[in-house]
N, C-alpha and C. Protein backbone atom coordinates (compact mmCIF):
# COMPACT_ATOMS: atom_id res chain seq x y z
N MET A 1 193.92 39.19 95.43
CA MET A 1 193.68 40.19 96.45
C MET A 1 193.18 39.53 97.72
N ASN A 2 193.46 40.16 98.80
CA ASN A 2 193.06 39.69 100.11
C ASN A 2 191.57 39.97 100.32
N ALA A 3 190.84 39.06 100.93
CA ALA A 3 189.40 39.21 101.15
C ALA A 3 189.11 40.40 102.09
N ARG A 4 189.91 40.60 103.11
CA ARG A 4 189.71 41.74 104.02
C ARG A 4 189.86 43.06 103.28
N PHE A 5 190.88 43.13 102.46
CA PHE A 5 191.12 44.36 101.70
C PHE A 5 189.94 44.65 100.77
N THR A 6 189.39 43.63 100.15
CA THR A 6 188.23 43.79 99.26
C THR A 6 187.02 44.29 100.05
N ILE A 7 186.77 43.73 101.21
CA ILE A 7 185.64 44.14 102.04
C ILE A 7 185.81 45.59 102.47
N VAL A 8 187.01 46.00 102.89
CA VAL A 8 187.26 47.38 103.30
C VAL A 8 187.00 48.32 102.12
N LEU A 9 187.45 47.96 100.92
CA LEU A 9 187.21 48.79 99.75
C LEU A 9 185.73 48.93 99.43
N VAL A 10 184.97 47.85 99.54
CA VAL A 10 183.54 47.89 99.28
C VAL A 10 182.83 48.77 100.31
N VAL A 11 183.20 48.65 101.58
CA VAL A 11 182.60 49.47 102.63
C VAL A 11 182.91 50.95 102.37
N LEU A 12 184.15 51.27 102.03
CA LEU A 12 184.52 52.66 101.73
C LEU A 12 183.74 53.18 100.52
N LEU A 13 183.58 52.36 99.51
CA LEU A 13 182.82 52.77 98.32
C LEU A 13 181.37 53.07 98.68
N VAL A 14 180.76 52.25 99.51
CA VAL A 14 179.38 52.47 99.94
C VAL A 14 179.27 53.75 100.76
N LEU A 15 180.22 53.98 101.68
CA LEU A 15 180.19 55.20 102.48
C LEU A 15 180.35 56.45 101.62
N VAL A 16 181.28 56.43 100.69
CA VAL A 16 181.47 57.60 99.82
C VAL A 16 180.23 57.82 98.96
N GLY A 17 179.66 56.76 98.43
CA GLY A 17 178.43 56.89 97.64
C GLY A 17 177.28 57.46 98.46
N GLY A 18 177.16 57.03 99.70
CA GLY A 18 176.11 57.55 100.58
C GLY A 18 176.31 59.03 100.87
N LEU A 19 177.54 59.42 101.14
CA LEU A 19 177.82 60.83 101.41
C LEU A 19 177.53 61.70 100.18
N VAL A 20 177.87 61.21 99.00
CA VAL A 20 177.57 61.95 97.78
C VAL A 20 176.06 62.10 97.61
N GLY A 21 175.33 61.03 97.87
CA GLY A 21 173.87 61.09 97.76
C GLY A 21 173.25 62.09 98.73
N VAL A 22 173.69 62.06 99.99
CA VAL A 22 173.17 62.99 100.99
C VAL A 22 173.51 64.43 100.60
N THR A 23 174.72 64.65 100.14
CA THR A 23 175.13 66.00 99.71
C THR A 23 174.25 66.50 98.57
N GLN A 24 173.92 65.65 97.63
CA GLN A 24 173.07 66.05 96.52
C GLN A 24 171.66 66.42 96.99
N VAL A 25 171.12 65.67 97.92
CA VAL A 25 169.79 65.97 98.45
C VAL A 25 169.81 67.31 99.18
N LEU A 26 170.82 67.52 100.02
CA LEU A 26 170.92 68.80 100.73
C LEU A 26 171.12 69.96 99.78
N ARG A 27 171.92 69.76 98.76
CA ARG A 27 172.16 70.83 97.79
C ARG A 27 170.89 71.17 97.04
N SER A 28 170.09 70.18 96.67
CA SER A 28 168.84 70.47 95.95
C SER A 28 167.86 71.18 96.86
N SER A 29 167.85 70.89 98.17
CA SER A 29 166.98 71.60 99.10
C SER A 29 167.38 73.06 99.19
N ASP A 30 168.68 73.34 99.24
CA ASP A 30 169.16 74.72 99.27
C ASP A 30 168.78 75.46 98.00
N GLU A 31 168.85 74.79 96.86
CA GLU A 31 168.49 75.43 95.60
C GLU A 31 167.00 75.77 95.58
N ASP A 32 166.16 74.90 96.14
CA ASP A 32 164.72 75.19 96.20
C ASP A 32 164.48 76.46 97.00
N ILE A 33 165.17 76.61 98.12
CA ILE A 33 164.98 77.79 98.95
C ILE A 33 165.47 79.02 98.21
N GLU A 34 166.60 78.91 97.49
CA GLU A 34 167.14 80.06 96.76
C GLU A 34 166.21 80.50 95.64
N ARG A 35 165.39 79.61 95.12
CA ARG A 35 164.46 79.99 94.07
C ARG A 35 163.33 80.85 94.61
N GLY A 36 163.18 80.96 95.90
CA GLY A 36 162.17 81.86 96.45
C GLY A 36 160.96 81.18 97.04
N ASP A 37 161.09 79.94 97.44
CA ASP A 37 159.96 79.23 98.04
C ASP A 37 159.76 79.66 99.49
N ARG A 38 159.64 80.95 99.67
CA ARG A 38 159.40 81.55 100.99
C ARG A 38 158.18 82.44 100.89
N LEU A 39 157.43 82.54 101.97
CA LEU A 39 156.26 83.41 102.01
C LEU A 39 156.70 84.87 101.88
N TYR A 40 157.78 85.21 102.53
CA TYR A 40 158.41 86.53 102.45
C TYR A 40 159.83 86.34 102.98
N ARG A 41 160.66 87.36 102.82
CA ARG A 41 162.02 87.31 103.36
C ARG A 41 162.34 88.63 104.05
N VAL A 42 162.87 88.52 105.25
CA VAL A 42 163.36 89.68 105.99
C VAL A 42 164.41 89.17 106.97
N SER A 43 165.46 89.94 107.14
CA SER A 43 166.49 89.54 108.09
C SER A 43 165.98 89.75 109.51
N SER A 44 166.24 88.79 110.37
CA SER A 44 165.78 88.91 111.76
C SER A 44 166.40 90.12 112.45
N SER A 45 167.58 90.53 112.02
CA SER A 45 168.22 91.70 112.64
C SER A 45 167.56 93.01 112.20
N GLU A 46 166.74 92.98 111.15
CA GLU A 46 166.05 94.17 110.67
C GLU A 46 164.70 94.38 111.34
N LEU A 47 164.19 93.39 112.06
CA LEU A 47 162.86 93.49 112.66
C LEU A 47 162.85 94.45 113.84
N SER A 48 161.91 95.40 113.81
CA SER A 48 161.78 96.32 114.95
C SER A 48 160.60 95.96 115.83
N ASP A 49 159.52 95.43 115.23
CA ASP A 49 158.42 94.95 116.06
C ASP A 49 157.60 93.91 115.32
N VAL A 50 156.93 93.11 116.13
CA VAL A 50 156.11 92.00 115.64
C VAL A 50 154.82 92.00 116.43
N THR A 51 153.69 91.96 115.73
CA THR A 51 152.40 91.85 116.40
C THR A 51 151.71 90.59 115.89
N ILE A 52 151.26 89.79 116.82
CA ILE A 52 150.54 88.56 116.49
C ILE A 52 149.13 88.73 117.04
N SER A 53 148.14 88.48 116.19
CA SER A 53 146.75 88.65 116.64
C SER A 53 145.88 87.52 116.13
N GLN A 54 144.89 87.21 116.94
CA GLN A 54 143.89 86.20 116.59
C GLN A 54 142.61 86.57 117.35
N ASP A 55 141.54 86.71 116.62
CA ASP A 55 140.27 87.16 117.19
C ASP A 55 140.50 88.48 117.94
N ASP A 56 140.17 88.53 119.22
CA ASP A 56 140.34 89.76 120.01
C ASP A 56 141.67 89.79 120.76
N GLU A 57 142.48 88.76 120.64
CA GLU A 57 143.74 88.70 121.35
C GLU A 57 144.86 89.26 120.48
N LYS A 58 145.80 89.96 121.13
CA LYS A 58 146.91 90.56 120.40
C LYS A 58 148.09 90.71 121.34
N ILE A 59 149.29 90.47 120.80
CA ILE A 59 150.52 90.69 121.57
C ILE A 59 151.54 91.32 120.63
N THR A 60 152.30 92.27 121.17
CA THR A 60 153.31 92.96 120.38
C THR A 60 154.67 92.80 121.04
N PHE A 61 155.67 92.48 120.23
CA PHE A 61 157.05 92.36 120.67
C PHE A 61 157.84 93.46 119.98
N VAL A 62 158.71 94.14 120.72
CA VAL A 62 159.52 95.22 120.15
C VAL A 62 161.00 94.95 120.42
N SER A 63 161.82 95.36 119.46
CA SER A 63 163.26 95.23 119.60
C SER A 63 163.84 96.60 119.89
N LEU A 64 164.49 96.71 121.04
CA LEU A 64 165.13 97.96 121.45
C LEU A 64 166.56 97.65 121.87
N ASP A 65 167.51 98.31 121.24
CA ASP A 65 168.93 98.09 121.56
C ASP A 65 169.31 96.61 121.51
N GLU A 66 168.84 95.94 120.46
CA GLU A 66 169.13 94.52 120.22
C GLU A 66 168.58 93.58 121.29
N GLN A 67 167.62 94.03 122.06
CA GLN A 67 166.92 93.21 123.04
C GLN A 67 165.44 93.20 122.69
N TRP A 68 164.79 92.06 122.90
CA TRP A 68 163.35 91.96 122.62
C TRP A 68 162.55 92.11 123.89
N TYR A 69 161.40 92.79 123.75
CA TYR A 69 160.51 93.06 124.88
C TYR A 69 159.06 92.78 124.45
N ILE A 70 158.24 92.47 125.45
CA ILE A 70 156.80 92.38 125.25
C ILE A 70 156.24 93.75 125.59
N LYS A 71 155.53 94.33 124.66
CA LYS A 71 154.97 95.66 124.87
C LYS A 71 153.70 95.52 125.72
N ASP A 72 153.70 96.17 126.86
CA ASP A 72 152.54 96.16 127.75
C ASP A 72 151.67 97.36 127.39
N GLU A 73 150.59 97.12 126.67
CA GLU A 73 149.71 98.19 126.19
C GLU A 73 149.01 98.92 127.34
N GLU A 74 148.67 98.22 128.40
CA GLU A 74 147.91 98.81 129.49
C GLU A 74 148.76 99.75 130.34
N GLN A 75 149.96 99.32 130.72
CA GLN A 75 150.79 100.12 131.61
C GLN A 75 151.84 100.93 130.86
N GLY A 76 151.98 100.71 129.55
CA GLY A 76 152.90 101.48 128.74
C GLY A 76 154.37 101.16 128.95
N GLU A 77 154.67 100.03 129.54
CA GLU A 77 156.07 99.66 129.74
C GLU A 77 156.36 98.38 128.99
N ASN A 78 157.62 98.08 128.84
CA ASN A 78 158.04 96.88 128.12
C ASN A 78 158.63 95.88 129.09
N LEU A 79 158.26 94.61 128.91
CA LEU A 79 158.78 93.53 129.74
C LEU A 79 159.77 92.72 128.92
N SER A 80 160.93 92.43 129.46
CA SER A 80 161.90 91.59 128.76
C SER A 80 161.28 90.23 128.48
N VAL A 81 161.61 89.67 127.32
CA VAL A 81 161.12 88.33 127.02
C VAL A 81 161.99 87.31 127.74
N ASN A 82 161.43 86.16 127.99
CA ASN A 82 162.18 85.03 128.53
C ASN A 82 163.01 84.48 127.38
N ILE A 83 164.30 84.70 127.42
CA ILE A 83 165.17 84.36 126.30
C ILE A 83 165.18 82.86 126.01
N ASP A 84 164.91 82.03 127.01
CA ASP A 84 164.85 80.58 126.79
C ASP A 84 163.70 80.22 125.85
N ARG A 85 162.61 80.96 125.92
CA ARG A 85 161.45 80.70 125.06
C ARG A 85 161.50 81.51 123.78
N TRP A 86 162.21 82.63 123.77
CA TRP A 86 162.22 83.55 122.64
C TRP A 86 163.36 83.27 121.67
N GLY A 87 164.42 82.63 122.11
CA GLY A 87 165.68 82.50 121.38
C GLY A 87 165.62 82.39 119.87
N GLY A 88 164.86 81.46 119.32
CA GLY A 88 164.85 81.24 117.88
C GLY A 88 163.72 81.93 117.14
N ILE A 89 162.86 82.65 117.85
CA ILE A 89 161.69 83.26 117.23
C ILE A 89 162.07 84.28 116.15
N PRO A 90 163.02 85.20 116.38
CA PRO A 90 163.36 86.13 115.31
C PRO A 90 163.80 85.44 114.01
N SER A 91 164.51 84.34 114.13
CA SER A 91 164.90 83.59 112.93
C SER A 91 163.68 83.00 112.24
N LEU A 92 162.74 82.48 113.00
CA LEU A 92 161.50 81.94 112.41
C LEU A 92 160.73 83.03 111.67
N LEU A 93 160.78 84.24 112.20
CA LEU A 93 160.05 85.35 111.60
C LEU A 93 160.72 85.87 110.32
N GLY A 94 161.93 85.41 110.04
CA GLY A 94 162.66 85.86 108.86
C GLY A 94 162.03 85.45 107.54
N GLY A 95 161.15 84.51 107.56
CA GLY A 95 160.47 84.09 106.34
C GLY A 95 160.26 82.59 106.31
N PRO A 96 159.03 82.15 106.46
CA PRO A 96 158.76 80.71 106.48
C PRO A 96 158.82 80.10 105.09
N ALA A 97 159.28 78.88 105.03
CA ALA A 97 159.23 78.13 103.78
C ALA A 97 157.78 77.78 103.49
N VAL A 98 157.43 77.73 102.23
CA VAL A 98 156.08 77.34 101.86
C VAL A 98 156.12 75.93 101.30
N SER A 99 155.10 75.17 101.58
CA SER A 99 155.06 73.82 101.04
C SER A 99 154.38 73.79 99.68
N THR A 100 153.44 74.72 99.44
CA THR A 100 152.72 74.74 98.18
C THR A 100 152.33 76.17 97.81
N ASN A 101 152.49 76.50 96.54
CA ASN A 101 151.99 77.76 96.00
C ASN A 101 150.70 77.40 95.28
N LEU A 102 149.56 77.66 95.89
CA LEU A 102 148.27 77.26 95.30
C LEU A 102 147.94 78.07 94.06
N SER A 103 148.51 79.25 93.92
CA SER A 103 148.22 80.09 92.76
C SER A 103 148.84 79.54 91.48
N GLU A 104 149.81 78.62 91.60
CA GLU A 104 150.42 78.00 90.42
C GLU A 104 149.61 76.81 89.92
N SER A 105 148.59 76.41 90.67
CA SER A 105 147.81 75.24 90.27
C SER A 105 146.89 75.60 89.11
N GLU A 106 146.48 74.59 88.39
CA GLU A 106 145.59 74.77 87.24
C GLU A 106 144.16 75.06 87.68
N GLU A 107 143.84 74.70 88.90
CA GLU A 107 142.47 74.85 89.39
C GLU A 107 142.17 76.29 89.78
N GLU A 108 140.91 76.67 89.64
CA GLU A 108 140.44 77.98 90.08
C GLU A 108 140.37 77.97 91.60
N LEU A 109 140.99 78.96 92.24
CA LEU A 109 141.02 79.00 93.71
C LEU A 109 139.69 79.41 94.31
N GLY A 110 138.96 80.25 93.62
CA GLY A 110 137.67 80.68 94.14
C GLY A 110 137.79 81.71 95.24
N ASP A 111 136.78 81.76 96.07
CA ASP A 111 136.67 82.76 97.13
C ASP A 111 137.70 82.50 98.22
N ARG A 112 138.43 83.54 98.61
CA ARG A 112 139.46 83.40 99.66
C ARG A 112 138.84 83.13 101.02
N ALA A 113 137.58 83.44 101.20
CA ALA A 113 136.92 83.16 102.47
C ALA A 113 136.86 81.65 102.74
N SER A 114 136.80 80.85 101.68
CA SER A 114 136.75 79.40 101.86
C SER A 114 138.06 78.84 102.41
N TYR A 115 139.13 79.63 102.36
CA TYR A 115 140.43 79.23 102.93
C TYR A 115 140.68 79.88 104.29
N GLY A 116 139.73 80.69 104.75
CA GLY A 116 139.90 81.39 106.01
C GLY A 116 140.78 82.62 105.91
N ILE A 117 140.99 83.11 104.68
CA ILE A 117 141.88 84.26 104.46
C ILE A 117 141.12 85.58 104.49
N GLU A 118 139.89 85.60 104.04
CA GLU A 118 139.09 86.84 104.02
C GLU A 118 137.83 86.64 104.82
N PRO A 119 137.74 87.09 106.02
CA PRO A 119 138.79 87.70 106.84
C PRO A 119 139.73 86.61 107.38
N PRO A 120 140.96 87.01 107.70
CA PRO A 120 141.92 86.00 108.18
C PRO A 120 141.60 85.53 109.60
N ARG A 121 141.97 84.30 109.89
CA ARG A 121 141.80 83.75 111.25
C ARG A 121 142.81 84.40 112.20
N SER A 122 144.02 84.63 111.67
CA SER A 122 145.10 85.20 112.47
C SER A 122 145.91 86.14 111.58
N ARG A 123 146.65 87.04 112.23
CA ARG A 123 147.53 87.95 111.50
C ARG A 123 148.86 88.04 112.20
N ILE A 124 149.90 88.17 111.39
CA ILE A 124 151.24 88.43 111.91
C ILE A 124 151.73 89.67 111.18
N ASN A 125 151.94 90.74 111.93
CA ASN A 125 152.43 92.01 111.37
C ASN A 125 153.88 92.20 111.77
N LEU A 126 154.72 92.41 110.77
CA LEU A 126 156.13 92.63 111.00
C LEU A 126 156.49 94.03 110.53
N THR A 127 157.33 94.72 111.27
CA THR A 127 157.82 96.03 110.85
C THR A 127 159.33 96.03 111.00
N THR A 128 160.01 96.53 109.97
CA THR A 128 161.47 96.62 110.02
C THR A 128 161.88 98.00 110.51
N PHE A 129 163.15 98.13 110.86
CA PHE A 129 163.66 99.41 111.34
C PHE A 129 163.56 100.51 110.28
N ASN A 130 163.55 100.14 108.99
CA ASN A 130 163.44 101.15 107.94
C ASN A 130 161.98 101.42 107.55
N GLY A 131 161.03 100.87 108.31
CA GLY A 131 159.62 101.18 108.10
C GLY A 131 158.86 100.24 107.19
N LEU A 132 159.51 99.24 106.64
CA LEU A 132 158.82 98.27 105.79
C LEU A 132 157.86 97.45 106.65
N GLY A 133 156.62 97.34 106.21
CA GLY A 133 155.64 96.54 106.94
C GLY A 133 155.22 95.32 106.12
N ILE A 134 155.14 94.19 106.78
CA ILE A 134 154.68 92.95 106.15
C ILE A 134 153.55 92.42 107.00
N GLU A 135 152.39 92.24 106.36
CA GLU A 135 151.24 91.69 107.07
C GLU A 135 150.92 90.33 106.47
N VAL A 136 150.97 89.30 107.31
CA VAL A 136 150.71 87.94 106.87
C VAL A 136 149.35 87.52 107.41
N ASN A 137 148.48 87.13 106.51
CA ASN A 137 147.15 86.64 106.89
C ASN A 137 147.20 85.13 106.94
N ILE A 138 146.81 84.58 108.07
CA ILE A 138 146.80 83.13 108.26
C ILE A 138 145.35 82.66 108.23
N GLY A 139 145.10 81.67 107.40
CA GLY A 139 143.75 81.15 107.27
C GLY A 139 143.54 79.85 108.01
N ASP A 140 142.73 79.00 107.43
CA ASP A 140 142.37 77.71 108.04
C ASP A 140 143.49 76.69 107.92
N LEU A 141 143.39 75.68 108.75
CA LEU A 141 144.24 74.51 108.65
C LEU A 141 143.82 73.74 107.40
N THR A 142 144.79 73.20 106.68
CA THR A 142 144.48 72.44 105.47
C THR A 142 143.76 71.13 105.83
N PRO A 143 143.06 70.51 104.89
CA PRO A 143 142.37 69.25 105.20
C PRO A 143 143.31 68.16 105.72
N THR A 144 144.57 68.16 105.29
CA THR A 144 145.53 67.17 105.77
C THR A 144 146.13 67.55 107.12
N GLN A 145 145.82 68.74 107.60
CA GLN A 145 146.24 69.27 108.89
C GLN A 145 147.75 69.38 109.05
N ASP A 146 148.47 69.50 107.93
CA ASP A 146 149.92 69.68 108.01
C ASP A 146 150.35 71.08 107.61
N GLY A 147 149.39 71.95 107.33
CA GLY A 147 149.72 73.31 106.93
C GLY A 147 148.53 74.24 107.11
N TYR A 148 148.82 75.52 106.99
CA TYR A 148 147.78 76.55 107.04
C TYR A 148 147.83 77.34 105.73
N TYR A 149 146.69 77.84 105.31
CA TYR A 149 146.65 78.74 104.17
C TYR A 149 147.18 80.08 104.63
N ALA A 150 148.01 80.72 103.79
CA ALA A 150 148.61 82.00 104.16
C ALA A 150 148.74 82.89 102.94
N GLN A 151 148.65 84.19 103.19
CA GLN A 151 148.78 85.17 102.12
C GLN A 151 149.33 86.46 102.70
N VAL A 152 150.27 87.06 101.98
CA VAL A 152 150.80 88.36 102.37
C VAL A 152 149.83 89.41 101.84
N THR A 153 149.42 90.35 102.69
CA THR A 153 148.52 91.40 102.28
C THR A 153 149.12 92.16 101.09
N GLY A 154 148.28 92.39 100.09
CA GLY A 154 148.73 93.08 98.88
C GLY A 154 149.15 92.14 97.77
N SER A 155 149.21 90.86 98.06
CA SER A 155 149.58 89.86 97.07
C SER A 155 148.36 88.98 96.78
N GLU A 156 148.24 88.54 95.57
CA GLU A 156 147.15 87.63 95.21
C GLU A 156 147.53 86.17 95.37
N ILE A 157 148.81 85.91 95.65
CA ILE A 157 149.29 84.53 95.73
C ILE A 157 148.89 83.90 97.06
N LEU A 158 148.31 82.73 96.99
CA LEU A 158 147.89 81.97 98.17
C LEU A 158 148.84 80.79 98.35
N TYR A 159 149.36 80.64 99.55
CA TYR A 159 150.33 79.59 99.86
C TYR A 159 149.79 78.68 100.96
N ILE A 160 150.49 77.57 101.11
CA ILE A 160 150.33 76.72 102.29
C ILE A 160 151.67 76.75 103.00
N VAL A 161 151.66 77.15 104.29
CA VAL A 161 152.87 77.13 105.11
C VAL A 161 152.75 75.99 106.10
N HIS A 162 153.88 75.50 106.55
CA HIS A 162 153.88 74.38 107.48
C HIS A 162 153.16 74.74 108.78
N SER A 163 152.39 73.83 109.28
CA SER A 163 151.60 74.09 110.49
C SER A 163 152.47 74.37 111.70
N SER A 164 153.64 73.78 111.78
CA SER A 164 154.50 73.99 112.94
C SER A 164 154.92 75.46 113.06
N TRP A 165 155.15 76.14 111.91
CA TRP A 165 155.53 77.55 111.95
C TRP A 165 154.41 78.38 112.58
N VAL A 166 153.20 78.17 112.12
CA VAL A 166 152.05 78.91 112.65
C VAL A 166 151.81 78.54 114.11
N ASP A 167 151.87 77.27 114.43
CA ASP A 167 151.62 76.83 115.81
C ASP A 167 152.59 77.45 116.80
N VAL A 168 153.87 77.52 116.45
CA VAL A 168 154.87 78.13 117.34
C VAL A 168 154.56 79.60 117.56
N LEU A 169 154.24 80.32 116.49
CA LEU A 169 153.95 81.75 116.63
C LEU A 169 152.65 82.01 117.38
N MET A 170 151.63 81.21 117.13
CA MET A 170 150.36 81.39 117.85
C MET A 170 150.49 81.04 119.33
N ARG A 171 151.43 80.17 119.64
CA ARG A 171 151.67 79.84 121.05
C ARG A 171 152.20 81.05 121.80
N LEU A 172 152.92 81.94 121.09
CA LEU A 172 153.39 83.17 121.73
C LEU A 172 152.22 84.04 122.18
N LEU A 173 151.11 83.92 121.49
CA LEU A 173 149.92 84.69 121.83
C LEU A 173 149.21 84.08 123.04
N THR A 174 149.11 82.76 123.05
CA THR A 174 148.37 82.10 124.14
C THR A 174 149.24 81.87 125.38
N GLU A 175 150.55 81.71 125.17
CA GLU A 175 151.49 81.51 126.28
C GLU A 175 152.70 82.43 126.07
N PRO A 176 152.53 83.73 126.35
CA PRO A 176 153.61 84.69 126.09
C PRO A 176 154.89 84.33 126.87
N PRO A 177 156.05 84.64 126.27
CA PRO A 177 157.32 84.34 126.95
C PRO A 177 157.69 85.41 127.97
N TYR A 178 156.85 85.51 129.00
CA TYR A 178 157.10 86.49 130.06
C TYR A 178 158.39 86.15 130.78
N PRO A 179 159.04 87.19 131.34
CA PRO A 179 160.29 86.93 132.09
C PRO A 179 160.00 86.08 133.32
N LEU A 180 161.01 85.36 133.75
CA LEU A 180 160.85 84.49 134.92
C LEU A 180 160.75 85.28 136.20
């Protein structure tokens, strides 16, 4: 056999093996999500309003005729959101992936106040067009600072969600996506 032909075959074999490996990793990640490793699930197209609150600060976003608005509580009117800043937010609100289900651990969780859940540091209230309400309580940052403790009201299960999810949503409270 020709040396060039052998080298080409080896390179092709390595590439095909790498693609198979990447496909398997991606497929296993999809299977993890399908098993329910989400804090909650709701379609972004079903959301009618979202309220984000922390301490005394609160902001509400409403969906009217497939457009999102910031609800102005003082003047009673709605301001269009800046679509450049809002674009992916409804998808993020569809249900965050959880990194850890603490309720599955062998250890006793103890008082929820030690996680910042009772009372919560922040809240995210979601309402769907059919009236379903989901209230997410956000607690303290984890000791490794890569996640926040989170719990859906009415559930005893305590999770850790990725810090980037919480940070993006809390930024909407501190830096609202007002229209330009």
